[in-house]
């Protein structure tokens, strides 16, 4: 699936990076590239669900990024 949203740093637990969409959906990318770890960065990404991932973050759905770019 393709999502557009903003990168956000979530300070729950030990902290992690997430993506929020304009309609309020929240995603936890398991492989967010370091160059995309910028608060408020608009991105467009092709992703797939990562149901095999688990963690303490009860914040959003886990995804694996297949492709990501800054969205101008």
PDB file of N, CA and C in Angstrom:
ATOM      1  N   UNK A   1       0.842  -1.175   0.000  1.00  0.00           N
ATOM      2  CA  UNK A   1       0.000   0.000   0.000  1.00  0.00           C
ATOM      3  C   UNK A   1       0.883   1.232   0.000  1.00  0.00           C
ATOM      4  N   UNK A   2       0.316   2.337  -0.374  1.00  0.00           N
ATOM      5  CA  UNK A   2       1.042   3.606  -0.401  1.00  0.00           C
ATOM      6  C   UNK A   2       0.450   4.536   0.649  1.00  0.00           C
ATOM      7  N   UNK A   3       1.317   5.164   1.412  1.00  0.00           N
ATOM      8  CA  UNK A   3       0.851   6.123   2.423  1.00  0.00           C
ATOM      9  C   UNK A   3       1.594   7.439   2.253  1.00  0.00           C
ATOM     10  N   UNK A   4       0.910   8.513   2.609  1.00  0.00           N
ATOM     11  CA  UNK A   4       1.600   9.795   2.723  1.00  0.00           C
ATOM     12  C   UNK A   4       1.346  10.293   4.132  1.00  0.00           C
ATOM     13  N   UNK A   5       2.355  10.905   4.702  1.00  0.00           N
ATOM     14  CA  UNK A   5       2.220  11.360   6.072  1.00  0.00           C
ATOM     15  C   UNK A   5       3.427  12.135   6.533  1.00  0.00           C
ATOM     16  N   UNK A   6       3.494  12.312   7.837  1.00  0.00           N
ATOM     17  CA  UNK A   6       4.597  13.047   8.461  1.00  0.00           C
ATOM     18  C   UNK A   6       5.350  12.130   9.406  1.00  0.00           C
ATOM     19  N   UNK A   7       6.665  12.285   9.389  1.00  0.00           N
ATOM     20  CA  UNK A   7       7.520  11.585  10.346  1.00  0.00           C
ATOM     21  C   UNK A   7       7.367  12.276  11.698  1.00  0.00           C
ATOM     22  N   UNK A   8       7.257  11.465  12.731  1.00  0.00           N
ATOM     23  CA  UNK A   8       7.149  12.015  14.076  1.00  0.00           C
ATOM     24  C   UNK A   8       7.947  11.160  15.050  1.00  0.00           C
ATOM     25  N   UNK A   9       8.544  11.820  16.028  1.00  0.00           N
ATOM     26  CA  UNK A   9       9.237  11.087  17.077  1.00  0.00           C
ATOM     27  C   UNK A   9       8.272  10.928  18.239  1.00  0.00           C
ATOM     28  N   UNK A  10       8.063   9.703  18.666  1.00  0.00           N
ATOM     29  CA  UNK A  10       7.139   9.400  19.754  1.00  0.00           C
ATOM     30  C   UNK A  10       7.973   9.075  20.991  1.00  0.00           C
ATOM     31  N   UNK A  11       7.761   9.808  22.067  1.00  0.00           N
ATOM     32  CA  UNK A  11       8.616   9.650  23.247  1.00  0.00           C
ATOM     33  C   UNK A  11       8.058   8.659  24.270  1.00  0.00           C
ATOM     34  N   UNK A  12       7.250   7.715  23.841  1.00  0.00           N
ATOM     35  CA  UNK A  12       6.779   6.647  24.724  1.00  0.00           C
ATOM     36  C   UNK A  12       7.876   5.602  24.892  1.00  0.00           C
ATOM     37  N   UNK A  13       7.825   4.888  26.012  1.00  0.00           N
ATOM     38  CA  UNK A  13       8.827   3.840  26.277  1.00  0.00           C
ATOM     39  C   UNK A  13      10.223   4.426  26.111  1.00  0.00           C
ATOM     40  N   UNK A  14      11.054   3.820  25.279  1.00  0.00           N
ATOM     41  CA  UNK A  14      12.404   4.349  25.050  1.00  0.00           C
ATOM     42  C   UNK A  14      12.454   5.280  23.849  1.00  0.00           C
ATOM     43  N   UNK A  15      11.314   5.575  23.250  1.00  0.00           N
ATOM     44  CA  UNK A  15      11.224   6.473  22.104  1.00  0.00           C
ATOM     45  C   UNK A  15      11.381   5.736  20.794  1.00  0.00           C
ATOM     46  N   UNK A  16      10.651   6.178  19.783  1.00  0.00           N
ATOM     47  CA  UNK A  16      10.722   5.568  18.454  1.00  0.00           C
ATOM     48  C   UNK A  16      10.162   6.536  17.424  1.00  0.00           C
ATOM     49  N   UNK A  17      10.440   6.254  16.155  1.00  0.00           N
ATOM     50  CA  UNK A  17       9.951   7.064  15.043  1.00  0.00           C
ATOM     51  C   UNK A  17       8.683   6.443  14.480  1.00  0.00           C
ATOM     52  N   UNK A  18       7.744   7.290  14.092  1.00  0.00           N
ATOM     53  CA  UNK A  18       6.501   6.827  13.502  1.00  0.00           C
ATOM     54  C   UNK A  18       6.122   7.690  12.314  1.00  0.00           C
ATOM     55  N   UNK A  19       5.062   7.286  11.651  1.00  0.00           N
ATOM     56  CA  UNK A  19       4.487   8.065  10.554  1.00  0.00           C
ATOM     57  C   UNK A  19       3.006   8.241  10.864  1.00  0.00           C
ATOM     58  N   UNK A  20       2.541   9.487  10.795  1.00  0.00           N
ATOM     59  CA  UNK A  20       1.113   9.766  10.972  1.00  0.00           C
ATOM     60  C   UNK A  20       0.558  10.285   9.655  1.00  0.00           C
ATOM     61  N   UNK A  21      -0.653   9.863   9.319  1.00  0.00           N
ATOM     62  CA  UNK A  21      -1.294  10.292   8.074  1.00  0.00           C
ATOM     63  C   UNK A  21      -2.280  11.421   8.364  1.00  0.00           C
ATOM     64  N   UNK A  22      -2.679  12.169   7.332  1.00  0.00           N
ATOM     65  CA  UNK A  22      -3.633  13.263   7.547  1.00  0.00           C
ATOM     66  C   UNK A  22      -4.961  12.804   8.159  1.00  0.00           C
ATOM     67  N   UNK A  23      -5.346  11.548   7.925  1.00  0.00           N
ATOM     68  CA  UNK A  23      -6.607  11.063   8.488  1.00  0.00           C
ATOM     69  C   UNK A  23      -6.435  10.428   9.872  1.00  0.00           C
ATOM     70  N   UNK A  24      -5.243  10.585  10.469  1.00  0.00           N
ATOM     71  CA  UNK A  24      -5.028  10.158  11.842  1.00  0.00           C
ATOM     72  C   UNK A  24      -4.493   8.745  12.048  1.00  0.00           C
ATOM     73  N   UNK A  25      -4.216   8.016  10.972  1.00  0.00           N
ATOM     74  CA  UNK A  25      -3.645   6.675  11.137  1.00  0.00           C
ATOM     75  C   UNK A  25      -2.189   6.796  11.565  1.00  0.00           C
ATOM     76  N   UNK A  26      -1.748   5.814  12.348  1.00  0.00           N
ATOM     77  CA  UNK A  26      -0.386   5.819  12.886  1.00  0.00           C
ATOM     78  C   UNK A  26       0.306   4.524  12.495  1.00  0.00           C
ATOM     79  N   UNK A  27       1.551   4.663  12.062  1.00  0.00           N
ATOM     80  CA  UNK A  27       2.340   3.509  11.644  1.00  0.00           C
ATOM     81  C   UNK A  27       3.701   3.546  12.323  1.00  0.00           C
ATOM     82  N   UNK A  28       4.201   2.361  12.660  1.00  0.00           N
ATOM     83  CA  UNK A  28       5.539   2.212  13.236  1.00  0.00           C
ATOM     84  C   UNK A  28       6.389   1.486  12.204  1.00  0.00           C
ATOM     85  N   UNK A  29       7.245   2.217  11.476  1.00  0.00           N
ATOM     86  CA  UNK A  29       8.092   1.558  10.478  1.00  0.00           C
ATOM     87  C   UNK A  29       9.246   0.819  11.150  1.00  0.00           C
ATOM     88  N   UNK A  30       9.437  -0.429  10.777  1.00  0.00           N
ATOM     89  CA  UNK A  30      10.500  -1.230  11.397  1.00  0.00           C
ATOM     90  C   UNK A  30      11.849  -0.994  10.734  1.00  0.00           C
ATOM     91  N   UNK A  31      11.862  -0.330   9.596  1.00  0.00           N
ATOM     92  CA  UNK A  31      13.122  -0.121   8.868  1.00  0.00           C
ATOM     93  C   UNK A  31      13.202   1.294   8.286  1.00  0.00           C
ATOM     94  N   UNK A  32      12.857   2.297   9.071  1.00  0.00           N
ATOM     95  CA  UNK A  32      12.926   3.681   8.607  1.00  0.00           C
ATOM     96  C   UNK A  32      14.388   4.089   8.407  1.00  0.00           C
ATOM     97  N   UNK A  33      14.755   4.521   7.189  1.00  0.00           N
ATOM     98  CA  UNK A  33      16.140   4.941   6.955  1.00  0.00           C
ATOM     99  C   UNK A  33      16.519   6.145   7.828  1.00  0.00           C
ATOM    100  N   UNK A  34      17.767   6.171   8.262  1.00  0.00           N
ATOM    101  CA  UNK A  34      18.241   7.257   9.133  1.00  0.00           C
ATOM    102  C   UNK A  34      18.018   8.629   8.517  1.00  0.00           C
ATOM    103  N   UNK A  35      18.193   8.767   7.198  1.00  0.00           N
ATOM    104  CA  UNK A  35      18.051  10.075   6.560  1.00  0.00           C
ATOM    105  C   UNK A  35      16.606  10.578   6.562  1.00  0.00           C
ATOM    106  N   UNK A  36      15.655   9.730   6.933  1.00  0.00           N
ATOM    107  CA  UNK A  36      14.248  10.132   7.014  1.00  0.00           C
ATOM    108  C   UNK A  36      13.807  10.415   8.449  1.00  0.00           C
ATOM    109  N   UNK A  37      14.706  10.281   9.400  1.00  0.00           N
ATOM    110  CA  UNK A  37      14.377  10.505  10.809  1.00  0.00           C
ATOM    111  C   UNK A  37      14.485  11.994  11.122  1.00  0.00           C
ATOM    112  N   UNK A  38      13.443  12.719  10.711  1.00  0.00           N
ATOM    113  CA  UNK A  38      13.405  14.168  10.877  1.00  0.00           C
ATOM    114  C   UNK A  38      11.974  14.556  11.259  1.00  0.00           C
ATOM    115  N   UNK A  39      11.812  15.120  12.425  1.00  0.00           N
ATOM    116  CA  UNK A  39      10.489  15.497  12.925  1.00  0.00           C
ATOM    117  C   UNK A  39       9.763  16.393  11.919  1.00  0.00           C
ATOM    118  N   UNK A  40       8.527  16.012  11.589  1.00  0.00           N
ATOM    119  CA  UNK A  40       7.689  16.821  10.709  1.00  0.00           C
ATOM    120  C   UNK A  40       7.936  16.649   9.223  1.00  0.00           C
ATOM    121  N   UNK A  41       8.857  15.775   8.843  1.00  0.00           N
ATOM    122  CA  UNK A  41       9.175  15.567   7.428  1.00  0.00           C
ATOM    123  C   UNK A  41       7.990  14.924   6.711  1.00  0.00           C
ATOM    124  N   UNK A  42       7.553  15.538   5.615  1.00  0.00           N
ATOM    125  CA  UNK A  42       6.486  14.962   4.793  1.00  0.00           C
ATOM    126  C   UNK A  42       7.077  13.878   3.916  1.00  0.00           C
ATOM    127  N   UNK A  43       6.449  12.697   3.922  1.00  0.00           N
ATOM    128  CA  UNK A  43       6.964  11.573   3.144  1.00  0.00           C
ATOM    129  C   UNK A  43       5.841  10.882   2.369  1.00  0.00           C
ATOM    130  N   UNK A  44       6.245  10.207   1.327  1.00  0.00           N
ATOM    131  CA  UNK A  44       5.394   9.316   0.555  1.00  0.00           C
ATOM    132  C   UNK A  44       6.109   7.975   0.582  1.00  0.00           C
ATOM    133  N   UNK A  45       5.394   6.912   0.934  1.00  0.00           N
ATOM    134  CA  UNK A  45       6.049   5.621   1.100  1.00  0.00           C
ATOM    135  C   UNK A  45       5.188   4.483   0.574  1.00  0.00           C
ATOM    136  N   UNK A  46       5.868   3.515  -0.014  1.00  0.00           N
ATOM    137  CA  UNK A  46       5.225   2.252  -0.363  1.00  0.00           C
ATOM    138  C   UNK A  46       5.625   1.290   0.744  1.00  0.00           C
ATOM    139  N   UNK A  47       4.629   0.665   1.360  1.00  0.00           N
ATOM    140  CA  UNK A  47       4.870  -0.167   2.547  1.00  0.00           C
ATOM    141  C   UNK A  47       4.057  -1.454   2.472  1.00  0.00           C
ATOM    142  N   UNK A  48       4.419  -2.364   3.351  1.00  0.00           N
ATOM    143  CA  UNK A  48       3.576  -3.549   3.543  1.00  0.00           C
ATOM    144  C   UNK A  48       3.461  -3.787   5.041  1.00  0.00           C
ATOM    145  N   UNK A  49       2.357  -4.379   5.468  1.00  0.00           N
ATOM    146  CA  UNK A  49       2.200  -4.673   6.897  1.00  0.00           C
ATOM    147  C   UNK A  49       3.324  -5.578   7.390  1.00  0.00           C
ATOM    148  N   UNK A  50       3.675  -5.429   8.651  1.00  0.00           N
ATOM    149  CA  UNK A  50       4.707  -6.263   9.278  1.00  0.00           C
ATOM    150  C   UNK A  50       4.098  -6.928  10.510  1.00  0.00           C
ATOM    151  N   UNK A  51       3.149  -7.855  10.293  1.00  0.00           N
ATOM    152  CA  UNK A  51       2.455  -8.471  11.428  1.00  0.00           C
ATOM    153  C   UNK A  51       3.354  -9.340  12.298  1.00  0.00           C
ATOM    154  N   UNK A  52       4.524  -9.719  11.774  1.00  0.00           N
ATOM    155  CA  UNK A  52       5.455 -10.538  12.543  1.00  0.00           C
ATOM    156  C   UNK A  52       6.227  -9.717  13.571  1.00  0.00           C
ATOM    157  N   UNK A  53       6.152  -8.388  13.495  1.00  0.00           N
ATOM    158  CA  UNK A  53       6.861  -7.514  14.428  1.00  0.00           C
ATOM    159  C   UNK A  53       6.026  -7.331  15.691  1.00  0.00           C
ATOM    160  N   UNK A  54       6.702  -7.323  16.808  1.00  0.00           N
ATOM    161  CA  UNK A  54       6.050  -7.055  18.081  1.00  0.00           C
ATOM    162  C   UNK A  54       6.906  -6.084  18.875  1.00  0.00           C
ATOM    163  N   UNK A  55       6.305  -5.436  19.813  1.00  0.00           N
ATOM    164  CA  UNK A  55       7.034  -4.506  20.657  1.00  0.00           C
ATOM    165  C   UNK A  55       6.118  -3.931  21.714  1.00  0.00           C
ATOM    166  N   UNK A  56       6.664  -3.050  22.521  1.00  0.00           N
ATOM    167  CA  UNK A  56       5.897  -2.429  23.593  1.00  0.00           C
ATOM    168  C   UNK A  56       5.088  -1.237  23.118  1.00  0.00           C
ATOM    169  N   UNK A  57       5.346  -0.779  21.893  1.00  0.00           N
ATOM    170  CA  UNK A  57       4.648   0.387  21.382  1.00  0.00           C
ATOM    171  C   UNK A  57       3.208   0.037  21.035  1.00  0.00           C
ATOM    172  N   UNK A  58       2.283   0.503  21.846  1.00  0.00           N
ATOM    173  CA  UNK A  58       0.865   0.327  21.566  1.00  0.00           C
ATOM    174  C   UNK A  58       0.384   1.619  20.907  1.00  0.00           C
ATOM    175  N   UNK A  59       1.027   1.988  19.822  1.00  0.00           N
ATOM    176  CA  UNK A  59       0.818   3.304  19.235  1.00  0.00           C
ATOM    177  C   UNK A  59       0.245   3.229  17.833  1.00  0.00           C
ATOM    178  N   UNK A  60       0.682   2.257  17.028  1.00  0.00           N
ATOM    179  CA  UNK A  60       0.226   2.171  15.650  1.00  0.00           C
ATOM    180  C   UNK A  60       0.511   0.807  15.058  1.00  0.00           C
ATOM    181  N   UNK A  61       0.211   0.671  13.786  1.00  0.00           N
ATOM    182  CA  UNK A  61       0.446  -0.590  13.080  1.00  0.00           C
ATOM    183  C   UNK A  61       1.889  -0.666  12.588  1.00  0.00           C
ATOM    184  N   UNK A  62       2.502  -1.819  12.750  1.00  0.00           N
ATOM    185  CA  UNK A  62       3.864  -2.028  12.273  1.00  0.00           C
ATOM    186  C   UNK A  62       3.860  -2.203  10.757  1.00  0.00           C
ATOM    187  N   UNK A  63       4.813  -1.527  10.099  1.00  0.00           N
ATOM    188  CA  UNK A  63       4.962  -1.630   8.643  1.00  0.00           C
ATOM    189  C   UNK A  63       6.424  -1.819   8.280  1.00  0.00           C
ATOM    190  N   UNK A  64       6.636  -2.377   7.113  1.00  0.00           N
ATOM    191  CA  UNK A  64       7.979  -2.495   6.532  1.00  0.00           C
ATOM    192  C   UNK A  64       7.988  -1.594   5.302  1.00  0.00           C
ATOM    193  N   UNK A  65       8.969  -0.703   5.229  1.00  0.00           N
ATOM    194  CA  UNK A  65       9.071   0.236   4.119  1.00  0.00           C
ATOM    195  C   UNK A  65       9.736  -0.454   2.932  1.00  0.00           C
ATOM    196  N   UNK A  66       9.079  -0.387   1.785  1.00  0.00           N
ATOM    197  CA  UNK A  66       9.645  -0.910   0.541  1.00  0.00           C
ATOM    198  C   UNK A  66      10.328   0.213  -0.237  1.00  0.00           C
ATOM    199  N   UNK A  67       9.770   1.429  -0.113  1.00  0.00           N
ATOM    200  CA  UNK A  67      10.297   2.611  -0.808  1.00  0.00           C
ATOM    201  C   UNK A  67       9.783   3.826  -0.061  1.00  0.00           C
ATOM    202  N   UNK A  68      10.631   4.841   0.107  1.00  0.00           N
ATOM    203  CA  UNK A  68      10.204   6.071   0.799  1.00  0.00           C
ATOM    204  C   UNK A  68      10.946   7.264   0.204  1.00  0.00           C
ATOM    205  N   UNK A  69      10.251   8.401   0.120  1.00  0.00           N
ATOM    206  CA  UNK A  69      10.850   9.631  -0.402  1.00  0.00           C
ATOM    207  C   UNK A  69      10.219  10.828   0.284  1.00  0.00           C
ATOM    208  N   UNK A  70      10.964  11.927   0.309  1.00  0.00           N
ATOM    209  CA  UNK A  70      10.409  13.177   0.804  1.00  0.00           C
ATOM    210  C   UNK A  70       9.291  13.590  -0.142  1.00  0.00           C
ATOM    211  N   UNK A  71       8.203  14.083   0.430  1.00  0.00           N
ATOM    212  CA  UNK A  71       7.041  14.513  -0.349  1.00  0.00           C
ATOM    213  C   UNK A  71       6.972  16.030  -0.301  1.00  0.00           C
ATOM    214  N   UNK A  72       7.265  16.660  -1.421  1.00  0.00           N
ATOM    215  CA  UNK A  72       7.290  18.133  -1.462  1.00  0.00           C
ATOM    216  C   UNK A  72       5.947  18.695  -1.633  1.00  0.00           C
TER     217      UNK A  72
END
